[in-house]
Amino acid sequence: GKGSAWEQALLLFSMVGRGKMKASVITFNSSISACNKGCKWEKALQLVSEMAQIRVQSDTDTFNAAVNACERIGAWEKAVQLCKAMAVAIWRYFASDSETSKEDAPRILRRRMLSQ
């Protein structure tokens, strides 16, 4: 048979491991999202860990999908860890942005969080 969408997504994603496709936030997020939709939350979290191991920069979609997976399996401690990691990643982004002073970063972050 054709298999489920999450299985097809992971099959496609396996091309990354074989060097036939570039690992990127887009390829990871697509696979993580497919795993979430297929109720494969442990696999989704495994992909988030792999992403960090090979130093692919995550984004808000990554964190949202990972926190959703944590919620589904009742892994609240892991969800809190992910939220802390997201805050650190955002801080690093602002700290590396030459247009944003370190004093402005918390204010901008609060404004962006409140606007969502």
N, C-alpha and C. Protein backbone atom coordinates (compact mmCIF):
# COMPACT_ATOMS: atom_id res chain seq x y z
N GLY A 1 0.81 -1.19 0.00
CA GLY A 1 0.00 0.00 0.00
C GLY A 1 0.85 1.25 0.00
N LYS A 2 0.17 2.35 -0.03
CA LYS A 2 0.85 3.64 -0.09
C LYS A 2 1.46 4.04 1.24
N GLY A 3 0.94 3.51 2.34
CA GLY A 3 1.45 3.92 3.64
C GLY A 3 0.85 5.24 4.05
N SER A 4 1.03 5.56 5.29
CA SER A 4 0.47 6.81 5.79
C SER A 4 1.36 7.99 5.42
N ALA A 5 0.81 9.18 5.55
CA ALA A 5 1.55 10.40 5.18
C ALA A 5 2.82 10.55 6.00
N TRP A 6 2.75 10.23 7.29
CA TRP A 6 3.97 10.40 8.11
C TRP A 6 5.05 9.42 7.68
N GLU A 7 4.66 8.21 7.27
CA GLU A 7 5.65 7.24 6.79
C GLU A 7 6.28 7.71 5.48
N GLN A 8 5.45 8.27 4.61
CA GLN A 8 5.96 8.79 3.34
C GLN A 8 6.90 9.97 3.58
N ALA A 9 6.53 10.83 4.54
CA ALA A 9 7.39 11.98 4.85
C ALA A 9 8.74 11.52 5.39
N LEU A 10 8.74 10.51 6.26
CA LEU A 10 10.00 10.01 6.80
C LEU A 10 10.83 9.29 5.74
N LEU A 11 10.16 8.62 4.82
CA LEU A 11 10.87 7.98 3.71
C LEU A 11 11.57 9.04 2.87
N LEU A 12 10.86 10.11 2.57
CA LEU A 12 11.45 11.23 1.83
C LEU A 12 12.59 11.86 2.63
N PHE A 13 12.36 12.02 3.94
CA PHE A 13 13.37 12.62 4.81
C PHE A 13 14.63 11.75 4.88
N SER A 14 14.48 10.44 4.72
CA SER A 14 15.65 9.55 4.78
C SER A 14 16.66 9.89 3.68
N MET A 15 16.21 10.59 2.65
CA MET A 15 17.12 11.02 1.60
C MET A 15 18.17 11.99 2.15
N VAL A 16 17.82 12.71 3.21
CA VAL A 16 18.78 13.61 3.84
C VAL A 16 19.95 12.81 4.37
N GLY A 17 19.64 11.71 5.07
CA GLY A 17 20.68 10.86 5.64
C GLY A 17 21.57 10.21 4.59
N ARG A 18 21.02 10.01 3.41
CA ARG A 18 21.81 9.40 2.32
C ARG A 18 22.50 10.45 1.46
N GLY A 19 22.40 11.71 1.86
CA GLY A 19 23.08 12.77 1.14
C GLY A 19 22.40 13.21 -0.15
N LYS A 20 21.16 12.78 -0.36
CA LYS A 20 20.46 13.13 -1.60
C LYS A 20 19.61 14.39 -1.45
N MET A 21 19.48 14.86 -0.22
CA MET A 21 18.70 16.06 0.06
C MET A 21 19.40 16.81 1.19
N LYS A 22 19.34 18.12 1.14
CA LYS A 22 19.99 18.94 2.16
C LYS A 22 19.12 19.01 3.42
N ALA A 23 19.76 18.79 4.56
CA ALA A 23 19.06 18.95 5.84
C ALA A 23 18.83 20.44 6.06
N SER A 24 17.57 20.79 6.31
CA SER A 24 17.24 22.19 6.55
C SER A 24 16.09 22.25 7.53
N VAL A 25 15.81 23.44 8.00
CA VAL A 25 14.68 23.61 8.90
C VAL A 25 13.39 23.20 8.19
N ILE A 26 13.30 23.40 6.89
CA ILE A 26 12.10 23.05 6.14
C ILE A 26 11.92 21.53 6.08
N THR A 27 12.98 20.80 5.77
CA THR A 27 12.85 19.34 5.69
C THR A 27 12.53 18.76 7.06
N PHE A 28 13.18 19.28 8.10
CA PHE A 28 12.88 18.79 9.45
C PHE A 28 11.46 19.13 9.86
N ASN A 29 11.06 20.39 9.69
CA ASN A 29 9.72 20.80 10.12
C ASN A 29 8.63 20.02 9.39
N SER A 30 8.84 19.76 8.11
CA SER A 30 7.85 18.98 7.36
C SER A 30 7.71 17.58 7.94
N SER A 31 8.83 16.97 8.27
CA SER A 31 8.80 15.62 8.84
C SER A 31 8.21 15.62 10.24
N ILE A 32 8.57 16.61 11.04
CA ILE A 32 8.03 16.72 12.41
C ILE A 32 6.52 16.91 12.36
N SER A 33 6.08 17.77 11.47
CA SER A 33 4.65 18.03 11.31
C SER A 33 3.91 16.76 10.88
N ALA A 34 4.48 16.03 9.94
CA ALA A 34 3.85 14.79 9.47
C ALA A 34 3.76 13.78 10.61
N CYS A 35 4.80 13.69 11.42
CA CYS A 35 4.77 12.77 12.57
C CYS A 35 3.68 13.18 13.56
N ASN A 36 3.56 14.47 13.81
CA ASN A 36 2.51 14.94 14.72
C ASN A 36 1.13 14.57 14.18
N LYS A 37 0.91 14.80 12.91
CA LYS A 37 -0.39 14.49 12.31
C LYS A 37 -0.67 13.00 12.32
N GLY A 38 0.39 12.18 12.28
CA GLY A 38 0.24 10.74 12.31
C GLY A 38 0.28 10.16 13.72
N CYS A 39 0.21 11.04 14.72
CA CYS A 39 0.23 10.61 16.13
C CYS A 39 1.53 9.89 16.50
N LYS A 40 2.61 10.23 15.86
CA LYS A 40 3.93 9.66 16.15
C LYS A 40 4.77 10.70 16.87
N TRP A 41 4.31 11.06 18.08
CA TRP A 41 4.90 12.18 18.80
C TRP A 41 6.31 11.90 19.27
N GLU A 42 6.58 10.66 19.66
CA GLU A 42 7.95 10.32 20.08
C GLU A 42 8.93 10.52 18.93
N LYS A 43 8.51 10.11 17.73
CA LYS A 43 9.35 10.28 16.55
C LYS A 43 9.55 11.77 16.25
N ALA A 44 8.50 12.56 16.43
CA ALA A 44 8.62 14.00 16.21
C ALA A 44 9.69 14.59 17.13
N LEU A 45 9.67 14.18 18.41
CA LEU A 45 10.66 14.69 19.36
C LEU A 45 12.06 14.18 19.03
N GLN A 46 12.14 12.96 18.52
CA GLN A 46 13.44 12.42 18.11
C GLN A 46 14.02 13.27 16.98
N LEU A 47 13.17 13.69 16.05
CA LEU A 47 13.64 14.54 14.95
C LEU A 47 14.12 15.90 15.45
N VAL A 48 13.44 16.44 16.46
CA VAL A 48 13.87 17.72 17.04
C VAL A 48 15.27 17.55 17.63
N SER A 49 15.50 16.44 18.31
CA SER A 49 16.84 16.19 18.89
C SER A 49 17.89 16.03 17.80
N GLU A 50 17.54 15.29 16.74
CA GLU A 50 18.48 15.12 15.63
C GLU A 50 18.82 16.46 15.00
N MET A 51 17.84 17.31 14.90
CA MET A 51 18.03 18.63 14.32
C MET A 51 19.10 19.40 15.09
N ALA A 52 19.01 19.35 16.41
CA ALA A 52 19.99 20.04 17.25
C ALA A 52 21.37 19.40 17.12
N GLN A 53 21.40 18.08 17.03
CA GLN A 53 22.69 17.37 16.95
C GLN A 53 23.47 17.73 15.70
N ILE A 54 22.78 17.93 14.59
CA ILE A 54 23.50 18.27 13.36
C ILE A 54 23.49 19.78 13.09
N ARG A 55 23.06 20.52 14.12
CA ARG A 55 23.14 21.98 14.10
C ARG A 55 22.31 22.65 13.00
N VAL A 56 21.11 22.12 12.78
CA VAL A 56 20.16 22.80 11.90
C VAL A 56 19.38 23.75 12.79
N GLN A 57 19.36 25.02 12.43
CA GLN A 57 18.70 26.04 13.25
C GLN A 57 17.18 25.83 13.25
N SER A 58 16.62 25.67 14.43
CA SER A 58 15.17 25.51 14.55
C SER A 58 14.49 26.87 14.47
N ASP A 59 13.17 26.85 14.30
CA ASP A 59 12.41 28.09 14.28
C ASP A 59 11.15 27.91 15.12
N THR A 60 10.27 28.89 15.08
CA THR A 60 9.08 28.82 15.92
C THR A 60 8.18 27.66 15.51
N ASP A 61 8.15 27.31 14.23
CA ASP A 61 7.36 26.15 13.80
C ASP A 61 7.90 24.87 14.43
N THR A 62 9.23 24.76 14.49
CA THR A 62 9.85 23.59 15.12
C THR A 62 9.42 23.49 16.58
N PHE A 63 9.56 24.59 17.31
CA PHE A 63 9.23 24.59 18.72
C PHE A 63 7.75 24.32 18.95
N ASN A 64 6.90 24.94 18.14
CA ASN A 64 5.46 24.71 18.29
C ASN A 64 5.11 23.24 18.07
N ALA A 65 5.67 22.64 17.05
CA ALA A 65 5.40 21.23 16.77
C ALA A 65 5.94 20.34 17.89
N ALA A 66 7.11 20.68 18.40
CA ALA A 66 7.70 19.87 19.47
C ALA A 66 6.88 19.98 20.76
N VAL A 67 6.46 21.19 21.10
CA VAL A 67 5.64 21.38 22.31
C VAL A 67 4.30 20.66 22.14
N ASN A 68 3.73 20.68 20.95
CA ASN A 68 2.50 19.95 20.68
C ASN A 68 2.71 18.45 20.91
N ALA A 69 3.83 17.92 20.43
CA ALA A 69 4.13 16.50 20.64
C ALA A 69 4.25 16.19 22.13
N CYS A 70 4.92 17.07 22.85
CA CYS A 70 5.06 16.88 24.31
C CYS A 70 3.69 16.86 24.98
N GLU A 71 2.85 17.77 24.57
CA GLU A 71 1.50 17.85 25.15
C GLU A 71 0.76 16.54 24.92
N ARG A 72 0.87 16.00 23.72
CA ARG A 72 0.13 14.78 23.37
C ARG A 72 0.58 13.57 24.17
N ILE A 73 1.87 13.53 24.54
CA ILE A 73 2.35 12.37 25.30
C ILE A 73 2.48 12.67 26.78
N GLY A 74 2.07 13.87 27.18
CA GLY A 74 2.10 14.22 28.60
C GLY A 74 3.49 14.49 29.14
N ALA A 75 4.40 14.90 28.28
CA ALA A 75 5.78 15.17 28.69
C ALA A 75 5.95 16.66 29.00
N TRP A 76 5.34 17.09 30.11
CA TRP A 76 5.34 18.51 30.45
C TRP A 76 6.73 19.04 30.76
N GLU A 77 7.56 18.22 31.40
CA GLU A 77 8.92 18.69 31.73
C GLU A 77 9.70 18.99 30.45
N LYS A 78 9.54 18.11 29.47
CA LYS A 78 10.21 18.32 28.18
C LYS A 78 9.68 19.57 27.49
N ALA A 79 8.37 19.81 27.59
CA ALA A 79 7.79 21.02 27.00
C ALA A 79 8.38 22.27 27.62
N VAL A 80 8.56 22.26 28.94
CA VAL A 80 9.16 23.41 29.63
C VAL A 80 10.61 23.58 29.17
N GLN A 81 11.35 22.48 29.03
CA GLN A 81 12.73 22.56 28.54
C GLN A 81 12.77 23.18 27.14
N LEU A 82 11.84 22.77 26.30
CA LEU A 82 11.80 23.31 24.94
C LEU A 82 11.49 24.80 24.94
N CYS A 83 10.59 25.22 25.81
CA CYS A 83 10.27 26.65 25.90
C CYS A 83 11.49 27.44 26.35
N LYS A 84 12.24 26.90 27.29
CA LYS A 84 13.47 27.57 27.74
C LYS A 84 14.48 27.63 26.61
N ALA A 85 14.60 26.53 25.87
CA ALA A 85 15.54 26.50 24.73
C ALA A 85 15.14 27.52 23.67
N MET A 86 13.82 27.66 23.45
CA MET A 86 13.35 28.63 22.47
C MET A 86 13.70 30.05 22.93
N ALA A 87 13.53 30.33 24.21
CA ALA A 87 13.86 31.66 24.73
C ALA A 87 15.35 31.95 24.53
N VAL A 88 16.19 30.96 24.78
CA VAL A 88 17.64 31.14 24.60
C VAL A 88 17.95 31.37 23.12
N ALA A 89 17.30 30.60 22.25
CA ALA A 89 17.54 30.76 20.81
C ALA A 89 17.13 32.15 20.34
N ILE A 90 16.01 32.62 20.83
CA ILE A 90 15.55 33.96 20.46
C ILE A 90 16.52 35.02 20.97
N TRP A 91 16.96 34.85 22.20
CA TRP A 91 17.92 35.80 22.78
C TRP A 91 19.20 35.84 21.95
N ARG A 92 19.69 34.66 21.56
CA ARG A 92 20.91 34.60 20.73
C ARG A 92 20.70 35.30 19.40
N TYR A 93 19.50 35.13 18.83
CA TYR A 93 19.20 35.79 17.56
C TYR A 93 19.31 37.29 17.72
N PHE A 94 18.68 37.83 18.77
CA PHE A 94 18.73 39.27 18.98
C PHE A 94 20.13 39.73 19.32
N ALA A 95 20.85 38.93 20.08
CA ALA A 95 22.21 39.31 20.47
C ALA A 95 23.14 39.36 19.27
N SER A 96 22.86 38.55 18.24
CA SER A 96 23.71 38.54 17.06
C SER A 96 23.27 39.56 16.01
N ASP A 97 22.12 40.16 16.21
CA ASP A 97 21.58 41.12 15.24
C ASP A 97 22.19 42.49 15.51
N SER A 98 22.98 42.97 14.57
CA SER A 98 23.66 44.24 14.77
C SER A 98 22.69 45.42 14.81
N GLU A 99 21.48 45.23 14.29
CA GLU A 99 20.48 46.30 14.28
C GLU A 99 19.77 46.45 15.64
N THR A 100 19.84 45.41 16.47
CA THR A 100 19.12 45.41 17.74
C THR A 100 20.11 45.45 18.89
N SER A 101 19.94 46.42 19.75
CA SER A 101 20.81 46.47 20.92
C SER A 101 20.34 45.43 21.93
N LYS A 102 21.24 44.99 22.79
CA LYS A 102 20.89 44.00 23.80
C LYS A 102 19.82 44.54 24.75
N GLU A 103 19.78 45.85 24.92
CA GLU A 103 18.76 46.45 25.79
C GLU A 103 17.38 46.41 25.15
N ASP A 104 17.32 46.48 23.81
CA ASP A 104 16.04 46.46 23.10
C ASP A 104 15.46 45.06 22.97
N ALA A 105 16.31 44.04 23.01
CA ALA A 105 15.86 42.67 22.72
C ALA A 105 14.70 42.22 23.60
N PRO A 106 14.74 42.37 24.93
CA PRO A 106 13.60 41.90 25.73
C PRO A 106 12.28 42.62 25.38
N ARG A 107 12.35 43.91 25.11
CA ARG A 107 11.16 44.67 24.75
C ARG A 107 10.58 44.18 23.42
N ILE A 108 11.44 43.98 22.44
CA ILE A 108 10.99 43.51 21.13
C ILE A 108 10.42 42.10 21.25
N LEU A 109 11.09 41.25 22.02
CA LEU A 109 10.61 39.89 22.22
C LEU A 109 9.23 39.88 22.85
N ARG A 110 9.03 40.69 23.88
CA ARG A 110 7.70 40.76 24.53
C ARG A 110 6.64 41.22 23.54
N ARG A 111 6.96 42.24 22.77
CA ARG A 111 6.01 42.77 21.80
C ARG A 111 5.64 41.70 20.77
N ARG A 112 6.63 40.96 20.28
CA ARG A 112 6.36 39.90 19.28
C ARG A 112 5.54 38.77 19.89
N MET A 113 5.83 38.42 21.13
CA MET A 113 5.09 37.33 21.78
C MET A 113 3.63 37.74 22.02
N LEU A 114 3.42 38.99 22.39
CA LEU A 114 2.05 39.46 22.66
C LEU A 114 1.23 39.63 21.38
N SER A 115 1.91 39.82 20.26
CA SER A 115 1.19 40.04 19.01
C SER A 115 0.73 38.72 18.36
N GLN A 116 1.16 37.59 18.90
CA GLN A 116 0.77 36.31 18.29
C GLN A 116 -0.51 35.77 18.84
